């Protein structure tokens, strides 16, 4: 079988990585190569003042070549979703590399030009939607007051109170709807994300659910987890978001400030690049023993999860997937979570135990108190997809697209 060449576009890519979608892009690319029959070339963005704008530099890490397009911070709003300079560089790369398929993975700031450039070279595109960038100018459907928009479906006429300029927002919305129709296939990480986007007019009928994989625990994880539990009998809660309302930190803080017991631990992860999320003041007044856990890589995540027994996921918006939840469940860690969109589709938690978005902190208090009273830490791991599983599913989608076009393997 001939090796198929995938040209992968993602806003970040190794050696400059950030965010969950980038983790997915990198891990799936590596798995495709490892499983055989594929090679992957990436394109992403960088921002270096020592290089001219839109210069292309070539990098390589773990056997994957990455072409980085250098951009400036002072781009216009339109350039953030349809930048002619970036499109020209993408067209040049596609023409030179002659890939079999373009995977437009997470392309905010790269823009829709990746689809236009592929079309100009008659290269099919699989477009992956990871958040709400394609139907919401603010990307996450979070309003200016910090609360979830809750439109379902999204109608641009209802966005006037959120956007700076309604006319430009409407132009953007129409452009993205039009360009989405040019993709051969559109993937979503959850049924929730697919249904919301298609109901909002984005590429109806072209969507499939392509569930994200996660980094599964190493063979040594459960021994490490058991050793910690034997050494310290206290229940340990973990939280991986920032100290913000939209991630539910105010509810968590309220509950743990009101508990009249100290027989447990809490860990919050410093997920920011500049260590700005967590200061000592954020944890002051909380019952129990709380501390900050340093930002970790995929290879280091077992060190964090071995330290916790319960993951607190109190998101106050409808998310498309929820990597941290699956990572925890795969390691036999209990999850307390809100009914937050695609994050619940793992099926590991009874619907009646999901906390409604906007619910009183009393609901969280009751679940936390019950866990502390039971003092039960051992839980069976829940089966979730790995990145290898996700890569195999993607290979099937590639076969589907290329077979439909009559392209031989």
Protein backbone atom coordinates (compact mmCIF):
# COMPACT_ATOMS: atom_id res chain seq x y z
CA UNK A 1 0.00 0.00 0.00
CA UNK A 2 1.29 3.44 -0.89
CA UNK A 3 1.88 5.91 1.92
CA UNK A 4 -0.80 8.58 2.08
CA UNK A 5 0.36 12.12 2.74
CA UNK A 6 -1.74 14.28 5.08
CA UNK A 7 -1.21 18.04 5.24
CA UNK A 8 -2.34 19.01 8.73
CA UNK A 9 -3.22 22.59 9.67
CA UNK A 10 -3.41 23.52 13.35
CA UNK A 11 -2.88 26.91 14.98
CA UNK A 12 -0.10 25.46 17.16
CA UNK A 13 2.06 22.39 16.63
CA UNK A 14 5.27 21.03 18.07
CA UNK A 15 7.74 22.46 18.89
CA UNK A 16 5.31 25.22 19.94
CA UNK A 17 2.34 23.51 21.57
CA UNK A 18 -0.61 24.84 23.53
CA UNK A 19 -4.18 23.72 24.18
CA UNK A 20 -6.22 20.54 24.03
CA UNK A 21 -6.84 20.60 20.28
CA UNK A 22 -3.09 20.81 19.69
CA UNK A 23 -2.55 17.79 21.91
CA UNK A 24 -5.07 15.87 19.82
CA UNK A 25 -3.52 16.99 16.52
CA UNK A 26 -0.01 16.02 17.59
CA UNK A 27 -0.97 12.70 19.14
CA UNK A 28 -3.13 11.56 16.21
CA UNK A 29 -0.42 12.54 13.71
CA UNK A 30 2.17 10.55 15.65
CA UNK A 31 -0.19 7.56 15.89
CA UNK A 32 -0.94 7.60 12.15
CA UNK A 33 2.77 7.45 11.36
CA UNK A 34 3.39 4.78 14.00
CA UNK A 35 0.58 2.59 12.65
CA UNK A 36 1.98 2.80 9.12
CA UNK A 37 0.69 3.87 5.73
CA UNK A 38 0.76 7.59 6.47
CA UNK A 39 3.10 10.51 6.57
CA UNK A 40 2.09 13.85 8.00
CA UNK A 41 3.30 17.37 7.29
CA UNK A 42 2.04 20.15 9.54
CA UNK A 43 1.50 23.88 9.12
CA UNK A 44 0.98 26.21 12.08
CA UNK A 45 1.60 29.78 13.20
CA UNK A 46 4.31 31.54 15.17
CA UNK A 47 4.87 35.15 16.15
CA UNK A 48 8.49 36.31 16.05
CA UNK A 49 9.50 39.95 15.94
CA UNK A 50 12.88 39.08 14.40
CA UNK A 51 11.26 37.74 11.23
CA UNK A 52 9.29 39.50 8.53
CA UNK A 53 5.54 39.04 8.62
CA UNK A 54 4.36 35.90 6.80
CA UNK A 55 7.83 34.43 6.52
CA UNK A 56 7.66 30.63 6.48
CA UNK A 57 10.17 28.69 8.56
CA UNK A 58 10.64 24.96 8.63
CA UNK A 59 10.89 22.95 11.84
CA UNK A 60 10.84 19.27 12.70
CA UNK A 61 10.09 17.34 15.86
CA UNK A 62 9.48 13.63 16.40
CA UNK A 63 9.77 12.99 12.68
CA UNK A 64 7.05 15.45 11.63
CA UNK A 65 7.96 18.49 9.54
CA UNK A 66 6.13 21.64 10.62
CA UNK A 67 6.01 24.78 8.46
CA UNK A 68 5.43 27.83 10.66
CA UNK A 69 3.96 31.01 9.19
CA UNK A 70 5.09 34.07 11.10
CA UNK A 71 2.29 36.52 11.96
CA UNK A 72 2.03 39.89 13.68
CA UNK A 73 -0.28 40.66 16.58
CA UNK A 74 -1.91 43.68 14.94
CA UNK A 75 -3.96 41.82 12.31
CA UNK A 76 -7.47 42.98 11.49
CA UNK A 77 -10.57 41.13 12.63
CA UNK A 78 -11.16 39.83 9.11
CA UNK A 79 -7.56 38.60 8.88
CA UNK A 80 -8.18 36.40 11.91
CA UNK A 81 -10.52 34.19 9.89
CA UNK A 82 -9.65 34.91 6.24
CA UNK A 83 -6.13 36.21 5.74
CA UNK A 84 -5.02 36.49 2.08
CA UNK A 85 -1.32 36.49 3.03
CA UNK A 86 -1.65 33.26 4.99
CA UNK A 87 -3.79 31.74 2.23
CA UNK A 88 -1.06 32.52 -0.32
CA UNK A 89 1.56 30.72 1.81
CA UNK A 90 -0.77 27.76 2.29
CA UNK A 91 -1.39 27.55 -1.46
CA UNK A 92 2.36 27.57 -2.11
CA UNK A 93 2.93 24.78 0.40
CA UNK A 94 0.09 22.63 -0.92
CA UNK A 95 1.31 23.10 -4.50
CA UNK A 96 4.86 22.12 -3.53
CA UNK A 97 4.01 19.22 -1.19
CA UNK A 98 1.16 17.70 -3.24
CA UNK A 99 -0.57 15.99 -0.30
CA UNK A 100 -3.34 13.45 -0.77
CA UNK A 101 -5.61 15.18 1.73
CA UNK A 102 -5.72 18.34 3.82
CA UNK A 103 -6.80 18.05 7.44
CA UNK A 104 -7.96 21.47 8.64
CA UNK A 105 -7.87 20.70 12.34
CA UNK A 106 -7.98 23.81 14.50
CA UNK A 107 -7.61 26.78 12.20
CA UNK A 108 -8.62 29.91 14.07
CA UNK A 109 -6.13 32.62 13.02
CA UNK A 110 -4.86 30.38 10.21
CA UNK A 111 -8.25 31.00 8.66
CA UNK A 112 -10.55 29.52 6.08
CA UNK A 113 -7.93 30.00 3.36
CA UNK A 114 -6.68 26.49 4.06
CA UNK A 115 -9.89 25.17 2.51
CA UNK A 116 -9.76 27.60 -0.42
CA UNK A 117 -6.10 26.75 -1.11
CA UNK A 118 -6.84 23.02 -1.06
CA UNK A 119 -9.79 23.49 -3.40
CA UNK A 120 -7.57 25.39 -5.86
CA UNK A 121 -5.29 22.36 -6.04
CA UNK A 122 -8.19 19.87 -6.13
CA UNK A 123 -7.15 18.39 -2.78
CA UNK A 124 -10.00 17.11 -0.56
CA UNK A 125 -10.39 18.52 2.95
CA UNK A 126 -11.47 16.95 6.21
CA UNK A 127 -12.41 19.78 8.52
CA UNK A 128 -12.39 19.18 12.28
CA UNK A 129 -14.47 21.36 14.60
CA UNK A 130 -13.22 21.46 18.20
CA UNK A 131 -14.98 24.48 19.65
CA UNK A 132 -17.58 26.99 18.42
CA UNK A 133 -15.23 29.17 16.33
CA UNK A 134 -17.19 28.33 13.18
CA UNK A 135 -20.50 29.64 14.56
CA UNK A 136 -19.40 32.16 17.21
CA UNK A 137 -17.09 35.13 16.76
CA UNK A 138 -16.13 34.81 20.44
CA UNK A 139 -15.17 31.15 19.80
CA UNK A 140 -16.62 29.59 22.96
CA UNK A 141 -20.18 30.99 23.05
CA UNK A 142 -19.34 32.87 26.24
CA UNK A 143 -21.03 36.28 26.41
CA UNK A 144 -19.35 39.53 27.39
CA UNK A 145 -20.74 39.11 30.92
CA UNK A 146 -18.81 35.83 31.25
CA UNK A 147 -21.85 33.56 31.02
CA UNK A 148 -22.72 30.86 28.50
CA UNK A 149 -24.74 32.07 25.52
CA UNK A 150 -27.07 29.02 25.43
CA UNK A 151 -28.38 29.69 21.90
CA UNK A 152 -29.46 26.44 20.27
CA UNK A 153 -29.41 26.91 17.37
CA UNK A 154 -27.14 29.94 17.02
CA UNK A 155 -28.75 32.76 15.04
CA UNK A 156 -26.46 35.63 14.14
CA UNK A 157 -29.30 38.13 14.66
CA UNK A 158 -29.20 37.29 18.38
CA UNK A 159 -25.50 38.13 18.66
CA UNK A 160 -25.86 41.92 18.49
CA UNK A 161 -25.29 42.38 22.22
CA UNK A 162 -22.02 40.42 22.22
CA UNK A 163 -20.09 41.47 19.12
CA UNK A 164 -18.32 44.79 18.62
CA UNK A 165 -19.67 45.28 15.11
CA UNK A 166 -22.73 43.34 14.06
CA UNK A 167 -22.21 43.88 10.33
CA UNK A 168 -18.68 42.46 10.36
CA UNK A 169 -19.87 39.59 12.57
CA UNK A 170 -22.61 38.82 10.07
CA UNK A 171 -20.14 38.89 7.17
CA UNK A 172 -17.88 36.52 9.09
CA UNK A 173 -20.77 34.17 9.94
CA UNK A 174 -21.91 34.00 6.31
CA UNK A 175 -18.37 33.45 5.02
CA UNK A 176 -17.70 30.57 7.41
CA UNK A 177 -21.04 28.95 6.58
CA UNK A 178 -20.23 29.15 2.87
CA UNK A 179 -16.66 27.83 3.15
CA UNK A 180 -17.73 24.96 5.43
CA UNK A 181 -19.73 23.51 2.54
CA UNK A 182 -16.48 23.01 0.61
CA UNK A 183 -15.12 20.43 3.04
CA UNK A 184 -15.53 16.82 1.97
CA UNK A 185 -16.27 15.88 5.58
CA UNK A 186 -16.67 17.76 8.86
CA UNK A 187 -15.79 16.01 12.12
CA UNK A 188 -17.02 16.81 15.61
CA UNK A 189 -15.81 15.39 18.94
CA UNK A 190 -19.35 14.83 20.25
CA UNK A 191 -22.96 14.43 19.19
CA UNK A 192 -23.73 17.64 21.05
CA UNK A 193 -21.22 19.67 19.02
CA UNK A 194 -22.40 18.18 15.72
CA UNK A 195 -26.07 18.78 16.42
CA UNK A 196 -25.54 22.39 17.56
CA UNK A 197 -23.34 23.36 14.61
CA UNK A 198 -25.52 21.72 11.98
CA UNK A 199 -28.70 23.15 13.50
CA UNK A 200 -26.99 26.57 13.32
CA UNK A 201 -26.56 26.13 9.57
CA UNK A 202 -22.94 25.00 9.46
CA UNK A 203 -22.30 22.33 6.81
CA UNK A 204 -25.52 20.37 7.44
CA UNK A 205 -25.30 16.75 6.37
CA UNK A 206 -21.50 16.75 6.10
CA UNK A 207 -20.79 16.03 9.75
CA UNK A 208 -19.65 12.87 11.53
CA UNK A 209 -18.68 12.31 15.16
CA UNK A 210 -14.95 11.62 15.51
CA UNK A 211 -14.42 11.20 19.21
CA UNK A 212 -11.16 12.45 20.71
CA UNK A 213 -8.79 9.97 22.26
CA UNK A 214 -6.79 10.49 25.43
CA UNK A 215 -3.41 9.54 26.76
CA UNK A 216 -4.08 6.27 28.58
CA UNK A 217 -2.28 5.48 31.84
CA UNK A 218 1.16 3.91 31.74
CA UNK A 219 1.53 0.37 33.07
CA UNK A 220 3.09 1.76 36.26
CA UNK A 221 0.24 4.17 36.99
CA UNK A 222 -1.97 2.03 39.22
CA UNK A 223 0.96 0.93 41.38
CA UNK A 224 1.89 4.59 41.79
CA UNK A 225 -1.73 5.44 42.63
CA UNK A 226 -1.95 2.63 45.21
CA UNK A 227 1.31 3.64 46.85
CA UNK A 228 0.08 7.19 47.32
CA UNK A 229 -3.25 6.00 48.73
CA UNK A 230 -1.47 3.68 51.15
CA UNK A 231 0.82 6.45 52.31
CA UNK A 232 -1.95 9.07 52.71
CA UNK A 233 -5.47 7.87 53.52
CA UNK A 234 -7.12 11.22 52.80
CA UNK A 235 -9.43 11.77 49.83
CA UNK A 236 -7.76 14.16 47.38
CA UNK A 237 -9.75 16.42 45.04
CA UNK A 238 -8.27 17.77 41.83
CA UNK A 239 -9.18 20.75 39.64
CA UNK A 240 -7.58 21.55 36.28
CA UNK A 241 -9.26 24.85 35.32
CA UNK A 242 -8.44 28.45 36.17
CA UNK A 243 -9.99 30.55 38.96
CA UNK A 244 -12.86 31.71 36.74
CA UNK A 245 -16.65 31.72 36.87
CA UNK A 246 -17.04 29.92 33.56
CA UNK A 247 -15.07 26.93 34.86
CA UNK A 248 -17.08 26.86 38.09
CA UNK A 249 -14.36 27.88 40.53
CA UNK A 250 -16.67 30.20 42.56
CA UNK A 251 -18.96 27.24 43.35
CA UNK A 252 -16.00 25.06 44.27
CA UNK A 253 -14.55 27.78 46.49
CA UNK A 254 -17.91 28.37 48.17
CA UNK A 255 -18.36 24.68 48.97
CA UNK A 256 -14.86 24.05 50.26
CA UNK A 257 -14.91 27.25 52.30
CA UNK A 258 -18.05 26.06 54.10
CA UNK A 259 -16.95 22.53 55.04
CA UNK A 260 -16.40 21.98 58.75
CA UNK A 261 -13.71 19.33 58.31
CA UNK A 262 -10.08 19.18 57.21
CA UNK A 263 -9.55 15.47 56.58
CA UNK A 264 -8.85 15.80 52.83
CA UNK A 265 -6.49 17.36 50.29
CA UNK A 266 -7.03 19.50 47.20
CA UNK A 267 -4.83 20.15 44.17
CA UNK A 268 -5.30 22.85 41.54
CA UNK A 269 -3.26 22.71 38.33
CA UNK A 270 -1.37 25.79 37.17
CA UNK A 271 -2.35 25.51 33.53
CA UNK A 272 -1.18 28.94 32.37
CA UNK A 273 2.12 29.45 30.59
CA UNK A 274 3.07 32.42 32.78
CA UNK A 275 1.96 30.97 36.15
CA UNK A 276 -0.74 33.62 36.46
CA UNK A 277 -3.76 31.45 37.29
CA UNK A 278 -3.11 30.50 40.88
CA UNK A 279 -1.81 32.57 43.77
CA UNK A 280 -1.88 31.76 47.47
CA UNK A 281 -4.87 34.08 47.90
CA UNK A 282 -7.01 31.84 45.65
CA UNK A 283 -6.75 28.97 48.13
CA UNK A 284 -6.89 30.97 51.33
CA UNK A 285 -9.83 30.05 53.56
CA UNK A 286 -10.50 26.66 51.98
CA UNK A 287 -10.99 23.72 54.32
CA UNK A 288 -8.53 20.86 53.94
CA UNK A 289 -4.96 21.03 52.68
CA UNK A 290 -4.76 22.70 49.26
CA UNK A 291 -1.74 23.24 47.03
CA UNK A 292 -0.84 24.13 43.44
CA UNK A 293 0.34 21.40 41.06
CA UNK A 294 2.66 22.52 38.26
CA UNK A 295 1.59 22.50 34.63
CA UNK A 296 2.30 19.07 33.14
CA UNK A 297 2.81 17.54 29.70
CA UNK A 298 1.09 14.49 28.24
CA UNK A 299 4.04 12.37 29.32
CA UNK A 300 3.78 13.70 32.89
CA UNK A 301 0.03 13.53 33.48
CA UNK A 302 0.17 10.24 35.40
CA UNK A 303 2.07 12.06 38.15
CA UNK A 304 -0.90 14.37 38.67
CA UNK A 305 -3.69 11.83 38.36
CA UNK A 306 -1.93 9.44 40.74
CA UNK A 307 -2.29 12.16 43.38
CA UNK A 308 -6.07 12.62 43.17
CA UNK A 309 -9.18 10.54 43.85
CA UNK A 310 -11.88 12.93 42.59
CA UNK A 311 -11.82 15.32 39.64
CA UNK A 312 -13.94 18.46 40.04
CA UNK A 313 -15.31 19.57 36.65
CA UNK A 314 -17.82 22.32 37.32
CA UNK A 315 -17.86 23.96 33.88
CA UNK A 316 -20.63 26.55 33.50
CA UNK A 317 -20.78 26.34 29.71
CA UNK A 318 -21.57 23.66 27.17
CA UNK A 319 -18.22 22.27 26.05
CA UNK A 320 -17.62 20.09 23.01
CA UNK A 321 -15.73 17.23 24.66
CA UNK A 322 -13.77 17.29 27.94
CA UNK A 323 -10.33 15.66 27.73
CA UNK A 324 -9.60 15.88 31.45
CA UNK A 325 -12.76 13.97 32.31
CA UNK A 326 -11.81 11.06 30.06
CA UNK A 327 -8.22 11.10 31.33
CA UNK A 328 -9.52 10.78 34.89
CA UNK A 329 -12.10 8.09 34.12
CA UNK A 330 -9.48 5.98 32.33
CA UNK A 331 -7.47 6.00 35.57
CA UNK A 332 -10.28 4.96 37.90
CA UNK A 333 -10.81 8.47 39.27
CA UNK A 334 -14.27 9.62 40.27
CA UNK A 335 -15.62 12.70 38.50
CA UNK A 336 -18.05 15.31 39.81
CA UNK A 337 -19.25 17.25 36.81
CA UNK A 338 -21.90 19.53 35.41
CA UNK A 339 -24.24 18.63 32.57
CA UNK A 340 -21.98 20.50 30.18
CA UNK A 341 -22.62 19.48 26.60
CA UNK A 342 -20.31 16.94 24.99
CA UNK A 343 -18.43 16.36 28.25
CA UNK A 344 -21.13 13.95 29.46
CA UNK A 345 -21.14 11.59 26.48
CA UNK A 346 -18.68 9.18 28.09
CA UNK A 347 -21.68 7.53 29.80
CA UNK A 348 -19.84 6.84 33.06
CA UNK A 349 -22.05 8.98 35.30
CA UNK A 350 -25.76 8.50 35.89
CA UNK A 351 -27.73 11.42 34.42
CA UNK A 352 -29.29 12.24 37.80
CA UNK A 353 -25.81 12.81 39.28
CA UNK A 354 -24.85 15.40 36.67
CA UNK A 355 -25.05 18.87 38.19
CA UNK A 356 -27.12 21.33 36.11
CA UNK A 357 -25.27 24.43 34.92
CA UNK A 358 -26.23 27.31 37.19
CA UNK A 359 -27.36 25.03 40.01
CA UNK A 360 -26.96 26.11 43.63
CA UNK A 361 -23.61 25.26 45.23
CA UNK A 362 -25.63 23.09 47.62
CA UNK A 363 -25.77 20.37 44.95
CA UNK A 364 -21.99 20.24 44.74
CA UNK A 365 -21.75 20.40 48.54
CA UNK A 366 -23.93 17.31 48.90
CA UNK A 367 -21.85 15.28 46.45
CA UNK A 368 -18.56 16.32 48.06
CA UNK A 369 -19.87 15.57 51.56
CA UNK A 370 -21.11 12.14 50.45
CA UNK A 371 -17.71 11.24 49.01
CA UNK A 372 -15.94 12.33 52.18
CA UNK A 373 -18.37 10.37 54.36
CA UNK A 374 -18.02 7.22 52.26
CA UNK A 375 -14.22 7.56 52.06
CA UNK A 376 -14.21 5.21 49.08
CA UNK A 377 -11.31 5.84 46.74
CA UNK A 378 -11.10 2.72 44.59
CA UNK A 379 -13.11 2.83 41.37
CA UNK A 380 -12.86 0.73 38.22
CA UNK A 381 -11.33 2.52 35.22
CA UNK A 382 -13.90 3.42 32.59
CA UNK A 383 -13.08 2.43 28.99
CA UNK A 384 -12.30 5.44 26.81
CA UNK A 385 -10.73 5.80 23.36
CA UNK A 386 -6.97 6.14 23.09
CA UNK A 387 -5.12 8.31 20.59
CA UNK A 388 -4.31 5.11 18.68
CA UNK A 389 -8.05 4.37 18.50
CA UNK A 390 -8.68 7.91 17.30
CA UNK A 391 -5.99 7.63 14.63
CA UNK A 392 -7.48 4.38 13.32
CA UNK A 393 -10.90 6.04 13.14
CA UNK A 394 -9.37 8.97 11.23
CA UNK A 395 -7.69 6.59 8.78
CA UNK A 396 -11.13 5.12 8.07
CA UNK A 397 -12.47 8.63 7.38
CA UNK A 398 -9.58 9.33 5.01
CA UNK A 399 -10.31 6.08 3.17
CA UNK A 400 -13.97 7.08 2.94
CA UNK A 401 -13.19 10.51 1.46
CA UNK A 402 -10.56 9.32 -0.99
CA UNK A 403 -12.58 6.28 -2.04
CA UNK A 404 -15.55 8.53 -2.76
CA UNK A 405 -13.29 10.59 -5.00
CA UNK A 406 -11.88 7.49 -6.71
CA UNK A 407 -8.35 7.98 -5.31
CA UNK A 408 -6.41 4.72 -5.07
CA UNK A 409 -4.48 3.94 -1.89
